[in-house]
């Protein structure tokens, strides 16, 4: 189930807790969110996980709001009708998270579980809130677990993971008023606090850490309060907040911070780093770049370049103009209009199928290489079976025609 998140949401905590200029830059650009293909797939996977957990937990006596159940299964039905994703694969992948939840609740008969739970920090700030994937509270075991589900193919490290730590703080404050046996005195300091990431498509599929109270409250929370005070988003009703230092707003250029920043294309720090990378000095007598300095910058600079490219395309597609540039359609890869028709054609020409389709039919480009120079098939005879769809638009320099005045 999807839900809008705050401007200072835990999901983007790695950015705004370190790059304290980014929220204002994003606000100025009017781009509070990024919804690419990976994000849409992730949302679908979270919907599948939510319904799988509901099916798992309801027969075991766990209760969910009827509105949540109805909405989750409506979203699943919509995904089934769209047939855009392999939902069976997503259901198999979701079992990794389901097994973790089962393992936890089996240890405590009084366990409570929240799925896609809205959480916030009412005692610290009104600006930080979001939707936690899974929260498990084990009263008898004195354990609180916050679990995040990642469906990407890139490993997300759990160490110093601001998103999960923020969700943990939110859970500690929110659940005092939301859980059925929990009130302000039920989450004492001796509750062991755990964070976990479930990533079914990478290894390790499950990572978990016990978070020390002293570090969480005296180091991480104090840093959070300093950042919030800099933003003017700290609830100043509690005593002692006047002693919290205010961090000077600054840009923080790193892959972790910049990767999903919607304002990356307009970031002056990214531009400065790109200029710096282009103005390198040769190392010694060999004209080569300073690899130690430049290689760590490449992942973020590639992201910066891609972000600028996408912004320029969006500007032109919306009717804007960029002097010297235009948007043109590009051609995608050739593909067969009907593999069965091609196979029948090859059989008629007595071409050995073991060469053309050892496991599956070769692509048009591979087939062209195979039949090149043979007498059985001319290179243009297969053209009737080939289509070439348009690819993504690409940005090219506008061609100018030089004229001479006589």
Protein backbone atom coordinates (compact mmCIF):
# COMPACT_ATOMS: atom_id res chain seq x y z
CA UNK A 1 0.00 0.00 0.00
CA UNK A 2 1.37 3.39 -0.90
CA UNK A 3 1.10 6.63 1.03
CA UNK A 4 2.58 10.07 0.65
CA UNK A 5 5.54 10.82 2.86
CA UNK A 6 6.63 14.02 4.57
CA UNK A 7 9.19 16.40 3.13
CA UNK A 8 11.52 15.13 5.88
CA UNK A 9 10.51 11.50 5.56
CA UNK A 10 12.59 8.64 6.98
CA UNK A 11 12.86 7.15 3.47
CA UNK A 12 14.95 10.15 2.37
CA UNK A 13 16.70 10.61 5.71
CA UNK A 14 20.13 9.73 4.32
CA UNK A 15 19.84 12.82 2.13
CA UNK A 16 18.30 15.50 4.33
CA UNK A 17 20.19 14.55 7.50
CA UNK A 18 23.51 15.04 5.69
CA UNK A 19 22.79 17.46 2.84
CA UNK A 20 20.98 20.13 4.80
CA UNK A 21 20.56 22.40 1.77
CA UNK A 22 18.70 19.79 -0.27
CA UNK A 23 15.14 20.31 1.10
CA UNK A 24 15.10 23.99 0.12
CA UNK A 25 16.60 23.24 -3.31
CA UNK A 26 13.97 20.54 -3.91
CA UNK A 27 11.23 22.95 -2.80
CA UNK A 28 12.48 25.60 -5.21
CA UNK A 29 12.45 23.08 -8.07
CA UNK A 30 8.95 21.92 -7.16
CA UNK A 31 9.98 18.26 -7.39
CA UNK A 32 9.25 16.60 -4.06
CA UNK A 33 9.26 13.05 -5.34
CA UNK A 34 10.92 10.72 -7.86
CA UNK A 35 8.79 7.94 -9.38
CA UNK A 36 10.84 5.91 -11.83
CA UNK A 37 10.32 2.33 -12.98
CA UNK A 38 12.23 0.95 -10.01
CA UNK A 39 10.05 2.92 -7.59
CA UNK A 40 6.85 1.67 -9.24
CA UNK A 41 8.07 -1.92 -9.11
CA UNK A 42 8.99 -1.46 -5.46
CA UNK A 43 5.50 -0.18 -4.66
CA UNK A 44 3.98 -3.21 -6.35
CA UNK A 45 6.26 -5.51 -4.35
CA UNK A 46 5.23 -3.77 -1.12
CA UNK A 47 1.55 -4.25 -1.97
CA UNK A 48 2.20 -7.96 -2.53
CA UNK A 49 4.10 -8.20 0.78
CA UNK A 50 1.29 -6.43 2.64
CA UNK A 51 -1.37 -8.83 1.34
CA UNK A 52 0.85 -11.85 2.03
CA UNK A 53 1.37 -10.73 5.62
CA UNK A 54 -2.35 -10.09 6.10
CA UNK A 55 -3.10 -13.60 4.82
CA UNK A 56 -0.45 -14.98 7.15
CA UNK A 57 -1.33 -13.07 10.32
CA UNK A 58 -5.14 -12.82 10.34
CA UNK A 59 -5.62 -16.61 10.82
CA UNK A 60 -3.21 -16.32 13.77
CA UNK A 61 -5.40 -13.80 15.52
CA UNK A 62 -3.69 -10.56 14.49
CA UNK A 63 -6.09 -7.77 13.63
CA UNK A 64 -5.98 -5.20 10.85
CA UNK A 65 -8.32 -2.34 10.11
CA UNK A 66 -10.95 -3.42 7.54
CA UNK A 67 -10.13 -0.33 5.50
CA UNK A 68 -6.47 -1.36 5.29
CA UNK A 69 -7.37 -4.89 4.19
CA UNK A 70 -9.81 -3.63 1.56
CA UNK A 71 -7.34 -1.11 0.16
CA UNK A 72 -4.44 -3.57 0.04
CA UNK A 73 -6.39 -6.23 -1.84
CA UNK A 74 -7.90 -3.63 -4.17
CA UNK A 75 -4.37 -2.53 -5.10
CA UNK A 76 -3.37 -6.19 -5.60
CA UNK A 77 -6.38 -6.72 -7.89
CA UNK A 78 -5.38 -3.66 -9.90
CA UNK A 79 -1.84 -5.03 -10.28
CA UNK A 80 -3.22 -8.41 -11.38
CA UNK A 81 -5.39 -6.74 -14.00
CA UNK A 82 -2.49 -4.65 -15.31
CA UNK A 83 -0.33 -7.77 -15.67
CA UNK A 84 2.79 -5.60 -15.72
CA UNK A 85 4.71 -7.45 -13.01
CA UNK A 86 5.40 -11.09 -12.19
CA UNK A 87 3.24 -11.20 -9.08
CA UNK A 88 3.97 -14.88 -8.43
CA UNK A 89 7.68 -14.09 -8.25
CA UNK A 90 6.91 -11.17 -5.93
CA UNK A 91 4.85 -13.48 -3.72
CA UNK A 92 7.74 -15.94 -3.55
CA UNK A 93 10.15 -13.15 -2.71
CA UNK A 94 7.83 -11.83 0.00
CA UNK A 95 8.13 -15.12 1.88
CA UNK A 96 11.59 -14.05 3.08
CA UNK A 97 9.99 -11.22 5.07
CA UNK A 98 7.07 -13.42 6.12
CA UNK A 99 9.43 -16.04 7.52
CA UNK A 100 11.28 -13.40 9.52
CA UNK A 101 8.01 -12.14 11.02
CA UNK A 102 6.93 -15.70 11.86
CA UNK A 103 10.24 -16.38 13.55
CA UNK A 104 9.85 -13.27 15.70
CA UNK A 105 6.22 -13.74 16.76
CA UNK A 106 6.74 -17.42 17.56
CA UNK A 107 9.00 -16.27 20.40
CA UNK A 108 6.29 -14.25 22.15
CA UNK A 109 2.59 -15.16 22.57
CA UNK A 110 1.78 -11.47 23.19
CA UNK A 111 3.50 -10.26 20.02
CA UNK A 112 1.99 -7.36 18.10
CA UNK A 113 2.61 -6.65 14.42
CA UNK A 114 1.96 -3.57 12.29
CA UNK A 115 2.22 -3.64 8.51
CA UNK A 116 2.45 -0.44 6.42
CA UNK A 117 2.04 1.54 9.64
CA UNK A 118 1.97 5.34 9.69
CA UNK A 119 4.45 6.51 12.36
CA UNK A 120 5.72 9.90 13.49
CA UNK A 121 7.69 11.76 16.18
CA UNK A 122 5.10 13.76 18.14
CA UNK A 123 7.50 14.38 21.04
CA UNK A 124 10.33 15.67 18.83
CA UNK A 125 8.96 17.16 15.60
CA UNK A 126 5.87 17.35 13.41
CA UNK A 127 7.98 17.29 10.24
CA UNK A 128 9.21 13.68 10.31
CA UNK A 129 6.69 10.96 9.58
CA UNK A 130 6.23 8.12 7.14
CA UNK A 131 4.99 4.57 6.62
CA UNK A 132 7.04 1.76 8.16
CA UNK A 133 6.90 -1.54 6.28
CA UNK A 134 6.83 -3.85 9.32
CA UNK A 135 6.97 -3.23 13.07
CA UNK A 136 7.02 -6.10 15.57
CA UNK A 137 6.73 -5.57 19.33
CA UNK A 138 7.49 -8.50 21.65
CA UNK A 139 6.43 -7.49 25.19
CA UNK A 140 7.60 -10.63 26.96
CA UNK A 141 10.91 -10.70 25.09
CA UNK A 142 11.24 -6.92 25.59
CA UNK A 143 12.11 -6.40 21.93
CA UNK A 144 11.05 -3.87 19.31
CA UNK A 145 11.79 -4.63 15.64
CA UNK A 146 11.54 -2.27 12.69
CA UNK A 147 11.86 -4.08 9.36
CA UNK A 148 12.30 -2.45 5.95
CA UNK A 149 11.60 -4.29 2.69
CA UNK A 150 13.83 -3.50 -0.29
CA UNK A 151 12.99 -4.94 -3.72
CA UNK A 152 15.87 -3.51 -5.72
CA UNK A 153 18.88 -5.42 -7.03
CA UNK A 154 21.47 -3.20 -5.34
CA UNK A 155 22.47 -4.10 -1.79
CA UNK A 156 21.39 -1.48 0.75
CA UNK A 157 23.74 -1.56 3.75
CA UNK A 158 22.21 -1.63 7.21
CA UNK A 159 25.12 0.09 8.93
CA UNK A 160 24.35 3.71 9.82
CA UNK A 161 21.09 3.45 7.88
CA UNK A 162 19.33 6.74 8.62
CA UNK A 163 16.01 5.55 7.18
CA UNK A 164 15.68 2.63 9.57
CA UNK A 165 16.98 4.58 12.56
CA UNK A 166 14.40 7.30 11.92
CA UNK A 167 11.64 4.72 11.59
CA UNK A 168 12.85 3.21 14.87
CA UNK A 169 12.58 6.55 16.66
CA UNK A 170 9.16 7.11 15.09
CA UNK A 171 8.00 3.66 16.22
CA UNK A 172 9.21 4.28 19.76
CA UNK A 173 7.13 7.46 19.99
CA UNK A 174 4.08 6.54 17.88
CA UNK A 175 3.35 3.13 19.34
CA UNK A 176 2.98 4.54 22.84
CA UNK A 177 -0.47 5.70 21.82
CA UNK A 178 -1.36 3.23 19.04
CA UNK A 179 -0.61 -0.24 20.40
CA UNK A 180 -3.23 -2.07 22.38
CA UNK A 181 -1.18 -2.75 25.53
CA UNK A 182 1.36 -0.01 25.06
CA UNK A 183 1.36 3.32 26.83
CA UNK A 184 4.04 5.75 27.83
CA UNK A 185 5.41 3.50 30.53
CA UNK A 186 5.52 0.30 28.49
CA UNK A 187 8.51 1.10 26.29
CA UNK A 188 11.23 1.46 28.91
CA UNK A 189 14.91 1.80 28.12
CA UNK A 190 15.50 -1.92 28.67
CA UNK A 191 13.53 -2.82 25.54
CA UNK A 192 16.04 -4.13 23.01
CA UNK A 193 15.66 -2.22 19.77
CA UNK A 194 16.43 -3.94 16.46
CA UNK A 195 16.45 -2.82 12.84
CA UNK A 196 16.39 -5.20 9.88
CA UNK A 197 16.44 -5.02 6.09
CA UNK A 198 14.91 -7.75 3.94
CA UNK A 199 16.26 -7.76 0.37
CA UNK A 200 15.07 -10.93 -1.41
CA UNK A 201 16.90 -10.22 -4.67
CA UNK A 202 20.39 -9.67 -3.25
CA UNK A 203 22.67 -11.30 -0.72
CA UNK A 204 22.41 -11.31 2.21
CA UNK A 205 18.62 -11.41 2.00
CA UNK A 206 18.24 -10.43 5.67
CA UNK A 207 20.45 -8.07 7.68
CA UNK A 208 19.70 -7.18 11.29
CA UNK A 209 21.32 -5.07 14.00
CA UNK A 210 20.72 -4.44 17.71
CA UNK A 211 20.83 -0.69 18.32
CA UNK A 212 22.42 0.50 21.55
CA UNK A 213 20.23 2.92 23.51
CA UNK A 214 23.08 5.19 24.50
CA UNK A 215 24.24 5.69 20.90
CA UNK A 216 20.68 6.05 19.58
CA UNK A 217 19.60 8.66 22.12
CA UNK A 218 22.83 10.57 22.73
CA UNK A 219 24.45 10.48 19.30
CA UNK A 220 21.91 9.86 16.55
CA UNK A 221 18.95 11.64 18.15
CA UNK A 222 21.08 14.64 19.08
CA UNK A 223 22.32 14.93 15.49
CA UNK A 224 18.70 14.71 14.31
CA UNK A 225 17.67 17.49 16.68
CA UNK A 226 20.51 19.69 15.44
CA UNK A 227 19.40 19.17 11.84
CA UNK A 228 15.76 19.84 12.72
CA UNK A 229 16.72 22.99 14.57
CA UNK A 230 18.58 24.19 11.48
CA UNK A 231 15.40 23.59 9.46
CA UNK A 232 13.26 25.29 12.11
CA UNK A 233 11.29 22.04 12.48
CA UNK A 234 12.10 21.11 16.10
CA UNK A 235 9.30 21.02 18.67
CA UNK A 236 10.73 23.40 21.26
CA UNK A 237 8.28 22.49 24.01
CA UNK A 238 10.76 20.34 25.93
CA UNK A 239 13.48 21.79 28.11
CA UNK A 240 17.13 21.63 27.10
CA UNK A 241 16.58 22.17 23.38
CA UNK A 242 18.13 25.62 23.58
CA UNK A 243 21.49 23.93 24.19
CA UNK A 244 21.35 21.97 20.94
CA UNK A 245 23.82 23.37 18.39
CA UNK A 246 22.46 24.45 15.03
CA UNK A 247 24.22 22.90 12.06
CA UNK A 248 25.22 25.27 9.28
CA UNK A 249 23.32 24.34 6.10
CA UNK A 250 25.69 22.67 3.64
CA UNK A 251 25.73 20.45 0.59
CA UNK A 252 26.96 16.89 1.01
CA UNK A 253 28.17 15.35 -2.24
CA UNK A 254 28.21 11.54 -2.02
CA UNK A 255 26.61 8.56 -3.76
CA UNK A 256 24.53 7.75 -0.67
CA UNK A 257 23.23 11.31 -0.36
CA UNK A 258 22.79 12.25 -4.03
CA UNK A 259 21.62 9.04 -5.67
CA UNK A 260 17.87 9.63 -5.33
CA UNK A 261 17.88 13.40 -4.91
CA UNK A 262 15.21 14.93 -7.20
CA UNK A 263 17.16 18.21 -7.30
CA UNK A 264 20.49 16.69 -8.38
CA UNK A 265 20.38 18.30 -11.83
CA UNK A 266 20.23 21.77 -10.26
CA UNK A 267 22.71 21.14 -7.46
CA UNK A 268 25.54 23.73 -7.49
CA UNK A 269 27.78 21.39 -5.52
CA UNK A 270 27.38 18.66 -8.15
CA UNK A 271 28.17 21.18 -10.87
CA UNK A 272 31.29 22.32 -8.98
CA UNK A 273 32.45 18.73 -8.58
CA UNK A 274 31.91 18.09 -12.30
CA UNK A 275 33.99 21.17 -13.19
CA UNK A 276 36.65 20.07 -10.74
CA UNK A 277 36.77 16.63 -12.34
CA UNK A 278 37.28 18.16 -15.77
CA UNK A 279 40.13 20.39 -14.60
CA UNK A 280 42.40 17.66 -13.29
CA UNK A 281 46.17 17.96 -13.45
CA UNK A 282 48.27 15.20 -15.08
CA UNK A 283 49.96 12.89 -12.58
CA UNK A 284 53.75 12.91 -12.86
CA UNK A 285 55.14 12.54 -16.37
CA UNK A 286 52.18 10.46 -17.54
CA UNK A 287 49.17 12.46 -18.78
CA UNK A 288 46.50 10.66 -16.80
CA UNK A 289 43.88 11.78 -14.26
CA UNK A 290 44.26 11.50 -10.53
CA UNK A 291 42.43 8.18 -10.18
CA UNK A 292 42.38 8.23 -6.37
CA UNK A 293 40.53 11.55 -6.40
CA UNK A 294 38.28 11.12 -9.42
CA UNK A 295 37.14 7.48 -9.33
CA UNK A 296 35.13 7.88 -6.10
CA UNK A 297 33.30 10.79 -7.75
CA UNK A 298 32.28 8.89 -10.90
CA UNK A 299 29.08 7.20 -9.61
CA UNK A 300 27.63 10.51 -8.42
CA UNK A 301 28.84 12.44 -11.46
CA UNK A 302 27.21 9.87 -13.73
CA UNK A 303 24.00 10.41 -11.78
CA UNK A 304 24.38 14.17 -12.13
CA UNK A 305 24.87 13.89 -15.89
CA UNK A 306 21.83 11.59 -16.22
CA UNK A 307 19.74 13.95 -14.10
CA UNK A 308 20.66 16.96 -16.25
CA UNK A 309 19.83 14.94 -19.39
CA UNK A 310 16.40 13.95 -18.01
CA UNK A 311 15.64 17.50 -16.89
CA UNK A 312 16.51 18.85 -20.34
CA UNK A 313 14.27 16.26 -22.04
CA UNK A 314 11.38 17.04 -19.70
CA UNK A 315 11.81 20.76 -20.39
CA UNK A 316 11.70 20.24 -24.16
CA UNK A 317 8.80 17.77 -23.96
CA UNK A 318 6.76 20.34 -22.02
CA UNK A 319 7.21 22.89 -24.79
CA UNK A 320 10.33 24.64 -23.56
CA UNK A 321 13.32 25.54 -25.70
CA UNK A 322 17.07 25.13 -25.27
CA UNK A 323 19.18 27.04 -27.75
CA UNK A 324 21.22 24.66 -29.87
CA UNK A 325 19.40 21.49 -28.77
CA UNK A 326 16.34 19.52 -29.85
CA UNK A 327 14.54 16.30 -28.96
CA UNK A 328 14.34 13.54 -31.58
CA UNK A 329 12.93 10.02 -31.55
CA UNK A 330 15.49 7.25 -31.28
CA UNK A 331 15.18 3.72 -32.61
CA UNK A 332 15.06 0.77 -30.24
CA UNK A 333 16.55 -2.64 -30.89
CA UNK A 334 15.09 -4.73 -33.70
CA UNK A 335 12.80 -7.55 -32.59
CA UNK A 336 10.80 -10.30 -34.27
CA UNK A 337 7.13 -9.54 -34.94
CA UNK A 338 6.40 -13.28 -34.63
CA UNK A 339 9.02 -15.83 -33.58
CA UNK A 340 6.75 -18.69 -34.71
CA UNK A 341 6.54 -17.23 -38.24
CA UNK A 342 10.34 -16.88 -38.40
CA UNK A 343 10.86 -20.46 -37.24
CA UNK A 344 8.42 -21.72 -39.88
CA UNK A 345 10.22 -19.66 -42.54
CA UNK A 346 13.59 -21.12 -41.51
CA UNK A 347 12.22 -24.66 -41.60
CA UNK A 348 10.96 -24.10 -45.14
CA UNK A 349 14.43 -22.95 -46.19
CA UNK A 350 15.98 -25.95 -44.41
CA UNK A 351 18.13 -23.81 -42.15
CA UNK A 352 19.25 -25.89 -39.11
CA UNK A 353 17.26 -24.63 -36.15
CA UNK A 354 19.99 -25.71 -33.74
CA UNK A 355 22.04 -22.82 -35.11
CA UNK A 356 19.23 -20.25 -35.12
CA UNK A 357 17.35 -21.25 -31.99
CA UNK A 358 19.55 -23.36 -29.72
CA UNK A 359 17.35 -22.40 -26.75
CA UNK A 360 15.39 -19.55 -28.20
CA UNK A 361 15.31 -17.77 -31.52
CA UNK A 362 18.33 -15.57 -32.14
CA UNK A 363 17.72 -11.83 -32.20
CA UNK A 364 17.57 -10.04 -35.58
CA UNK A 365 21.11 -8.71 -35.12
CA UNK A 366 22.46 -12.18 -34.23
CA UNK A 367 20.58 -13.79 -37.12
CA UNK A 368 22.01 -11.24 -39.59
CA UNK A 369 25.53 -12.22 -38.55
CA UNK A 370 24.72 -15.93 -38.84
CA UNK A 371 23.25 -15.83 -42.38
CA UNK A 372 25.70 -13.28 -43.73
CA UNK A 373 27.43 -14.76 -46.74
CA UNK A 374 25.14 -17.81 -47.00
CA UNK A 375 23.26 -18.63 -50.19
CA UNK A 376 20.14 -19.96 -48.51
CA UNK A 377 18.75 -16.62 -47.36
CA UNK A 378 19.31 -13.11 -48.63
CA UNK A 379 19.90 -10.51 -45.98
CA UNK A 380 16.67 -8.62 -46.79
CA UNK A 381 14.35 -11.66 -46.89
CA UNK A 382 13.84 -11.62 -43.12
CA UNK A 383 12.92 -7.93 -43.05
CA UNK A 384 9.19 -8.69 -43.24
CA UNK A 385 9.47 -10.41 -39.85
CA UNK A 386 11.28 -7.55 -38.14
CA UNK A 387 9.92 -4.50 -36.40
CA UNK A 388 11.89 -1.68 -34.81
CA UNK A 389 9.99 0.25 -32.16
CA UNK A 390 10.91 3.74 -31.13
CA UNK A 391 13.31 3.97 -28.22
CA UNK A 392 13.57 6.67 -25.62
CA UNK A 393 13.97 10.23 -26.94
CA UNK A 394 17.57 11.42 -27.03
CA UNK A 395 19.02 14.87 -26.86
CA UNK A 396 21.11 15.97 -29.85
CA UNK A 397 22.67 19.23 -30.92
CA UNK A 398 20.56 21.14 -33.39
CA UNK A 399 21.94 20.94 -36.91
CA UNK A 400 22.61 24.36 -38.39
CA UNK A 401 22.93 25.22 -42.06
CA UNK A 402 25.65 27.68 -42.87
CA UNK A 403 24.69 30.29 -45.41
CA UNK A 404 26.80 32.82 -47.25
CA UNK A 405 25.62 36.21 -48.16
CA UNK A 406 26.68 37.43 -51.56
